[in-house]
Amino acid sequence: LKLSKKMHGCRVVQKAFQVSPPDVQLQLAEGLRRGVVDCVKSMHGNHVIQKCIEQMPSDAISFIVEAMEERAEAMSMHVYGCRVVQRLLEHCAPGQLERLVD
């Protein structure tokens, strides 16, 4: 989680999501689970969350959807949060996002 919020560290974590097999991606995502909102609000961390959304199956990122649902309005207006909301809209099934867009 700490690496995700650093300028160069976020690039390393993004690359790891890009080149790792699904089981390793799940382990990486597990490390983000407790800090989704902090990462989304981070200048660097939001890119890691976006890459996670882009690279993983939508059912594996439900923890991101749930974290964003709790603060949907605020996140959609946040300078970095809006980017994460956009990625969710692009990569998740509409049924998965009902509470987010409600």
N, C-alpha and C. Protein backbone atom coordinates (compact mmCIF):
# COMPACT_ATOMS: atom_id res chain seq x y z
N LEU A 1 0.83 -1.20 0.00
CA LEU A 1 0.00 0.00 0.00
C LEU A 1 0.87 1.25 0.00
N LYS A 2 1.91 1.28 0.81
CA LYS A 2 2.78 2.45 0.88
C LYS A 2 3.44 2.73 -0.46
N LEU A 3 3.90 1.68 -1.12
CA LEU A 3 4.57 1.81 -2.41
C LEU A 3 3.62 2.41 -3.45
N SER A 4 2.35 2.08 -3.36
CA SER A 4 1.35 2.55 -4.33
C SER A 4 1.17 4.06 -4.30
N LYS A 5 1.48 4.68 -3.17
CA LYS A 5 1.24 6.12 -3.03
C LYS A 5 2.51 6.95 -3.26
N LYS A 6 3.56 6.31 -3.74
CA LYS A 6 4.81 7.02 -4.02
C LYS A 6 4.98 7.18 -5.53
N MET A 7 5.67 8.26 -5.94
CA MET A 7 5.78 8.58 -7.36
C MET A 7 6.32 7.41 -8.19
N HIS A 8 7.42 6.84 -7.80
CA HIS A 8 8.00 5.76 -8.59
C HIS A 8 7.42 4.40 -8.19
N GLY A 9 7.05 4.27 -6.94
CA GLY A 9 6.48 3.02 -6.46
C GLY A 9 5.18 2.68 -7.16
N CYS A 10 4.37 3.68 -7.44
CA CYS A 10 3.08 3.41 -8.08
C CYS A 10 3.28 2.82 -9.47
N ARG A 11 4.37 3.22 -10.13
CA ARG A 11 4.65 2.66 -11.46
C ARG A 11 5.06 1.20 -11.38
N VAL A 12 5.80 0.86 -10.33
CA VAL A 12 6.21 -0.53 -10.12
C VAL A 12 4.97 -1.39 -9.87
N VAL A 13 4.07 -0.92 -9.01
CA VAL A 13 2.88 -1.69 -8.69
C VAL A 13 1.98 -1.81 -9.93
N GLN A 14 1.85 -0.74 -10.69
CA GLN A 14 1.05 -0.80 -11.92
C GLN A 14 1.61 -1.84 -12.88
N LYS A 15 2.92 -1.84 -13.04
CA LYS A 15 3.56 -2.80 -13.94
C LYS A 15 3.35 -4.22 -13.44
N ALA A 16 3.40 -4.39 -12.13
CA ALA A 16 3.17 -5.72 -11.55
C ALA A 16 1.76 -6.21 -11.89
N PHE A 17 0.77 -5.34 -11.80
CA PHE A 17 -0.59 -5.72 -12.18
C PHE A 17 -0.65 -6.08 -13.66
N GLN A 18 0.11 -5.39 -14.45
CA GLN A 18 0.07 -5.57 -15.90
C GLN A 18 0.70 -6.90 -16.33
N VAL A 19 1.77 -7.32 -15.69
CA VAL A 19 2.52 -8.49 -16.17
C VAL A 19 2.33 -9.74 -15.33
N SER A 20 1.67 -9.64 -14.21
CA SER A 20 1.54 -10.79 -13.30
C SER A 20 0.38 -11.69 -13.68
N PRO A 21 0.51 -12.98 -13.34
CA PRO A 21 -0.61 -13.89 -13.55
C PRO A 21 -1.73 -13.58 -12.55
N PRO A 22 -2.93 -14.06 -12.82
CA PRO A 22 -4.09 -13.73 -11.97
C PRO A 22 -3.90 -14.00 -10.48
N ASP A 23 -3.21 -15.07 -10.11
CA ASP A 23 -3.05 -15.37 -8.68
C ASP A 23 -2.20 -14.31 -7.99
N VAL A 24 -1.20 -13.79 -8.69
CA VAL A 24 -0.35 -12.74 -8.12
C VAL A 24 -1.13 -11.41 -8.09
N GLN A 25 -1.92 -11.16 -9.11
CA GLN A 25 -2.77 -9.96 -9.12
C GLN A 25 -3.69 -9.96 -7.90
N LEU A 26 -4.26 -11.11 -7.57
CA LEU A 26 -5.15 -11.21 -6.40
C LEU A 26 -4.40 -10.89 -5.11
N GLN A 27 -3.15 -11.33 -5.02
CA GLN A 27 -2.35 -11.03 -3.84
C GLN A 27 -2.05 -9.53 -3.76
N LEU A 28 -1.73 -8.93 -4.89
CA LEU A 28 -1.48 -7.49 -4.93
C LEU A 28 -2.74 -6.72 -4.51
N ALA A 29 -3.86 -7.13 -5.06
CA ALA A 29 -5.13 -6.47 -4.75
C ALA A 29 -5.47 -6.60 -3.27
N GLU A 30 -5.15 -7.74 -2.69
CA GLU A 30 -5.42 -7.95 -1.26
C GLU A 30 -4.66 -6.93 -0.43
N GLY A 31 -3.48 -6.56 -0.86
CA GLY A 31 -2.70 -5.55 -0.16
C GLY A 31 -3.31 -4.16 -0.23
N LEU A 32 -4.18 -3.93 -1.20
CA LEU A 32 -4.84 -2.64 -1.37
C LEU A 32 -6.18 -2.56 -0.65
N ARG A 33 -6.73 -3.70 -0.31
CA ARG A 33 -8.10 -3.80 0.20
C ARG A 33 -8.41 -2.81 1.33
N ARG A 34 -7.54 -2.71 2.31
CA ARG A 34 -7.81 -1.85 3.47
C ARG A 34 -7.60 -0.37 3.17
N GLY A 35 -6.95 -0.05 2.05
CA GLY A 35 -6.63 1.35 1.80
C GLY A 35 -7.12 1.89 0.48
N VAL A 36 -8.22 1.35 -0.03
CA VAL A 36 -8.73 1.77 -1.33
C VAL A 36 -8.96 3.29 -1.38
N VAL A 37 -9.68 3.81 -0.42
CA VAL A 37 -10.03 5.24 -0.45
C VAL A 37 -8.78 6.10 -0.34
N ASP A 38 -7.84 5.71 0.52
CA ASP A 38 -6.59 6.46 0.62
C ASP A 38 -5.84 6.47 -0.70
N CYS A 39 -5.81 5.33 -1.37
CA CYS A 39 -5.15 5.27 -2.68
C CYS A 39 -5.87 6.12 -3.72
N VAL A 40 -7.18 6.05 -3.71
CA VAL A 40 -7.95 6.83 -4.68
C VAL A 40 -7.69 8.32 -4.50
N LYS A 41 -7.55 8.76 -3.28
CA LYS A 41 -7.32 10.18 -3.01
C LYS A 41 -5.87 10.60 -3.23
N SER A 42 -5.00 9.64 -3.46
CA SER A 42 -3.58 9.91 -3.65
C SER A 42 -3.26 10.24 -5.11
N MET A 43 -2.40 11.22 -5.29
CA MET A 43 -1.97 11.62 -6.63
C MET A 43 -1.37 10.43 -7.40
N HIS A 44 -0.72 9.55 -6.69
CA HIS A 44 -0.09 8.40 -7.32
C HIS A 44 -0.89 7.12 -7.16
N GLY A 45 -1.48 6.95 -5.99
CA GLY A 45 -2.21 5.73 -5.69
C GLY A 45 -3.42 5.50 -6.58
N ASN A 46 -4.05 6.57 -7.04
CA ASN A 46 -5.23 6.40 -7.88
C ASN A 46 -4.90 5.66 -9.17
N HIS A 47 -3.67 5.83 -9.66
CA HIS A 47 -3.26 5.13 -10.88
C HIS A 47 -3.16 3.63 -10.64
N VAL A 48 -2.75 3.24 -9.45
CA VAL A 48 -2.67 1.83 -9.09
C VAL A 48 -4.07 1.23 -9.05
N ILE A 49 -5.01 1.93 -8.44
CA ILE A 49 -6.39 1.43 -8.38
C ILE A 49 -6.97 1.34 -9.80
N GLN A 50 -6.70 2.32 -10.63
CA GLN A 50 -7.18 2.27 -12.01
C GLN A 50 -6.61 1.06 -12.75
N LYS A 51 -5.32 0.79 -12.57
CA LYS A 51 -4.69 -0.34 -13.25
C LYS A 51 -5.27 -1.65 -12.73
N CYS A 52 -5.54 -1.72 -11.46
CA CYS A 52 -6.18 -2.90 -10.87
C CYS A 52 -7.53 -3.14 -11.54
N ILE A 53 -8.31 -2.10 -11.70
CA ILE A 53 -9.62 -2.20 -12.35
C ILE A 53 -9.48 -2.66 -13.79
N GLU A 54 -8.50 -2.11 -14.49
CA GLU A 54 -8.30 -2.43 -15.91
C GLU A 54 -7.81 -3.86 -16.13
N GLN A 55 -6.98 -4.37 -15.23
CA GLN A 55 -6.31 -5.65 -15.45
C GLN A 55 -7.02 -6.86 -14.86
N MET A 56 -7.86 -6.64 -13.86
CA MET A 56 -8.48 -7.77 -13.17
C MET A 56 -9.94 -7.95 -13.60
N PRO A 57 -10.44 -9.17 -13.48
CA PRO A 57 -11.86 -9.39 -13.79
C PRO A 57 -12.73 -8.59 -12.82
N SER A 58 -13.87 -8.15 -13.28
CA SER A 58 -14.72 -7.27 -12.47
C SER A 58 -15.16 -7.93 -11.16
N ASP A 59 -15.32 -9.24 -11.15
CA ASP A 59 -15.73 -9.89 -9.90
C ASP A 59 -14.62 -9.89 -8.86
N ALA A 60 -13.37 -9.70 -9.28
CA ALA A 60 -12.24 -9.67 -8.35
C ALA A 60 -12.01 -8.29 -7.74
N ILE A 61 -12.69 -7.29 -8.27
CA ILE A 61 -12.48 -5.92 -7.76
C ILE A 61 -13.70 -5.39 -7.03
N SER A 62 -14.54 -6.29 -6.57
CA SER A 62 -15.75 -5.86 -5.85
C SER A 62 -15.40 -5.05 -4.60
N PHE A 63 -14.23 -5.30 -4.01
CA PHE A 63 -13.83 -4.52 -2.83
C PHE A 63 -13.62 -3.05 -3.19
N ILE A 64 -13.22 -2.76 -4.41
CA ILE A 64 -13.07 -1.37 -4.86
C ILE A 64 -14.45 -0.75 -5.05
N VAL A 65 -15.33 -1.48 -5.70
CA VAL A 65 -16.70 -1.00 -5.91
C VAL A 65 -17.35 -0.69 -4.56
N GLU A 66 -17.22 -1.59 -3.61
CA GLU A 66 -17.83 -1.40 -2.29
C GLU A 66 -17.27 -0.17 -1.58
N ALA A 67 -15.97 0.02 -1.65
CA ALA A 67 -15.34 1.19 -1.02
C ALA A 67 -15.82 2.48 -1.67
N MET A 68 -16.01 2.45 -2.96
CA MET A 68 -16.44 3.65 -3.68
C MET A 68 -17.93 3.92 -3.46
N GLU A 69 -18.72 2.86 -3.31
CA GLU A 69 -20.17 3.02 -3.08
C GLU A 69 -20.45 3.84 -1.83
N GLU A 70 -19.67 3.62 -0.80
CA GLU A 70 -19.90 4.31 0.46
C GLU A 70 -19.72 5.81 0.35
N ARG A 71 -18.96 6.25 -0.65
CA ARG A 71 -18.65 7.67 -0.83
C ARG A 71 -18.84 8.09 -2.29
N ALA A 72 -19.81 7.52 -2.95
CA ALA A 72 -19.97 7.68 -4.39
C ALA A 72 -20.01 9.14 -4.84
N GLU A 73 -20.82 9.93 -4.19
CA GLU A 73 -20.95 11.32 -4.62
C GLU A 73 -19.64 12.08 -4.43
N ALA A 74 -19.03 11.96 -3.29
CA ALA A 74 -17.77 12.66 -3.01
C ALA A 74 -16.66 12.18 -3.94
N MET A 75 -16.59 10.87 -4.17
CA MET A 75 -15.54 10.33 -5.03
C MET A 75 -15.72 10.75 -6.48
N SER A 76 -16.95 10.85 -6.93
CA SER A 76 -17.19 11.25 -8.32
C SER A 76 -16.84 12.71 -8.57
N MET A 77 -16.75 13.50 -7.50
CA MET A 77 -16.37 14.91 -7.65
C MET A 77 -14.92 15.17 -7.26
N HIS A 78 -14.25 14.15 -6.76
CA HIS A 78 -12.85 14.29 -6.33
C HIS A 78 -11.95 14.30 -7.58
N VAL A 79 -10.88 15.07 -7.52
CA VAL A 79 -9.98 15.23 -8.67
C VAL A 79 -9.42 13.89 -9.17
N TYR A 80 -9.14 12.95 -8.26
CA TYR A 80 -8.64 11.64 -8.67
C TYR A 80 -9.74 10.58 -8.60
N GLY A 81 -10.66 10.74 -7.66
CA GLY A 81 -11.74 9.78 -7.50
C GLY A 81 -12.60 9.65 -8.74
N CYS A 82 -12.79 10.75 -9.44
CA CYS A 82 -13.62 10.72 -10.65
C CYS A 82 -13.01 9.81 -11.71
N ARG A 83 -11.68 9.71 -11.72
CA ARG A 83 -11.01 8.84 -12.69
C ARG A 83 -11.27 7.38 -12.36
N VAL A 84 -11.27 7.07 -11.09
CA VAL A 84 -11.54 5.70 -10.65
C VAL A 84 -12.99 5.33 -10.95
N VAL A 85 -13.90 6.24 -10.70
CA VAL A 85 -15.31 6.00 -11.02
C VAL A 85 -15.46 5.75 -12.52
N GLN A 86 -14.76 6.51 -13.33
CA GLN A 86 -14.81 6.33 -14.78
C GLN A 86 -14.32 4.93 -15.17
N ARG A 87 -13.22 4.47 -14.59
CA ARG A 87 -12.71 3.12 -14.90
C ARG A 87 -13.72 2.05 -14.49
N LEU A 88 -14.35 2.24 -13.34
CA LEU A 88 -15.36 1.28 -12.91
C LEU A 88 -16.51 1.23 -13.92
N LEU A 89 -16.94 2.38 -14.38
CA LEU A 89 -18.03 2.43 -15.37
C LEU A 89 -17.62 1.74 -16.67
N GLU A 90 -16.35 1.84 -17.03
CA GLU A 90 -15.86 1.22 -18.26
C GLU A 90 -15.68 -0.28 -18.15
N HIS A 91 -15.32 -0.79 -16.97
CA HIS A 91 -14.88 -2.18 -16.86
C HIS A 91 -15.79 -3.09 -16.06
N CYS A 92 -16.79 -2.59 -15.40
CA CYS A 92 -17.67 -3.43 -14.59
C CYS A 92 -19.03 -3.60 -15.26
N ALA A 93 -19.67 -4.68 -14.92
CA ALA A 93 -21.02 -4.93 -15.41
C ALA A 93 -21.98 -3.93 -14.76
N PRO A 94 -22.98 -3.46 -15.51
CA PRO A 94 -23.92 -2.49 -14.96
C PRO A 94 -24.55 -2.92 -13.63
N GLY A 95 -24.87 -4.19 -13.50
CA GLY A 95 -25.48 -4.69 -12.26
C GLY A 95 -24.56 -4.57 -11.06
N GLN A 96 -23.28 -4.63 -11.32
CA GLN A 96 -22.30 -4.53 -10.24
C GLN A 96 -22.21 -3.10 -9.69
N LEU A 97 -22.65 -2.13 -10.48
CA LEU A 97 -22.50 -0.71 -10.12
C LEU A 97 -23.81 -0.04 -9.74
N GLU A 98 -24.87 -0.80 -9.55
CA GLU A 98 -26.18 -0.20 -9.26
C GLU A 98 -26.13 0.77 -8.09
N ARG A 99 -25.52 0.35 -7.00
CA ARG A 99 -25.48 1.22 -5.80
C ARG A 99 -24.55 2.41 -6.01
N LEU A 100 -23.54 2.26 -6.84
CA LEU A 100 -22.60 3.35 -7.10
C LEU A 100 -23.26 4.48 -7.87
N VAL A 101 -24.07 4.14 -8.85
CA VAL A 101 -24.68 5.16 -9.72
C VAL A 101 -26.08 5.56 -9.28
N ASP A 102 -26.58 4.92 -8.25
CA ASP A 102 -27.93 5.22 -7.76
C ASP A 102 -28.03 6.60 -7.16
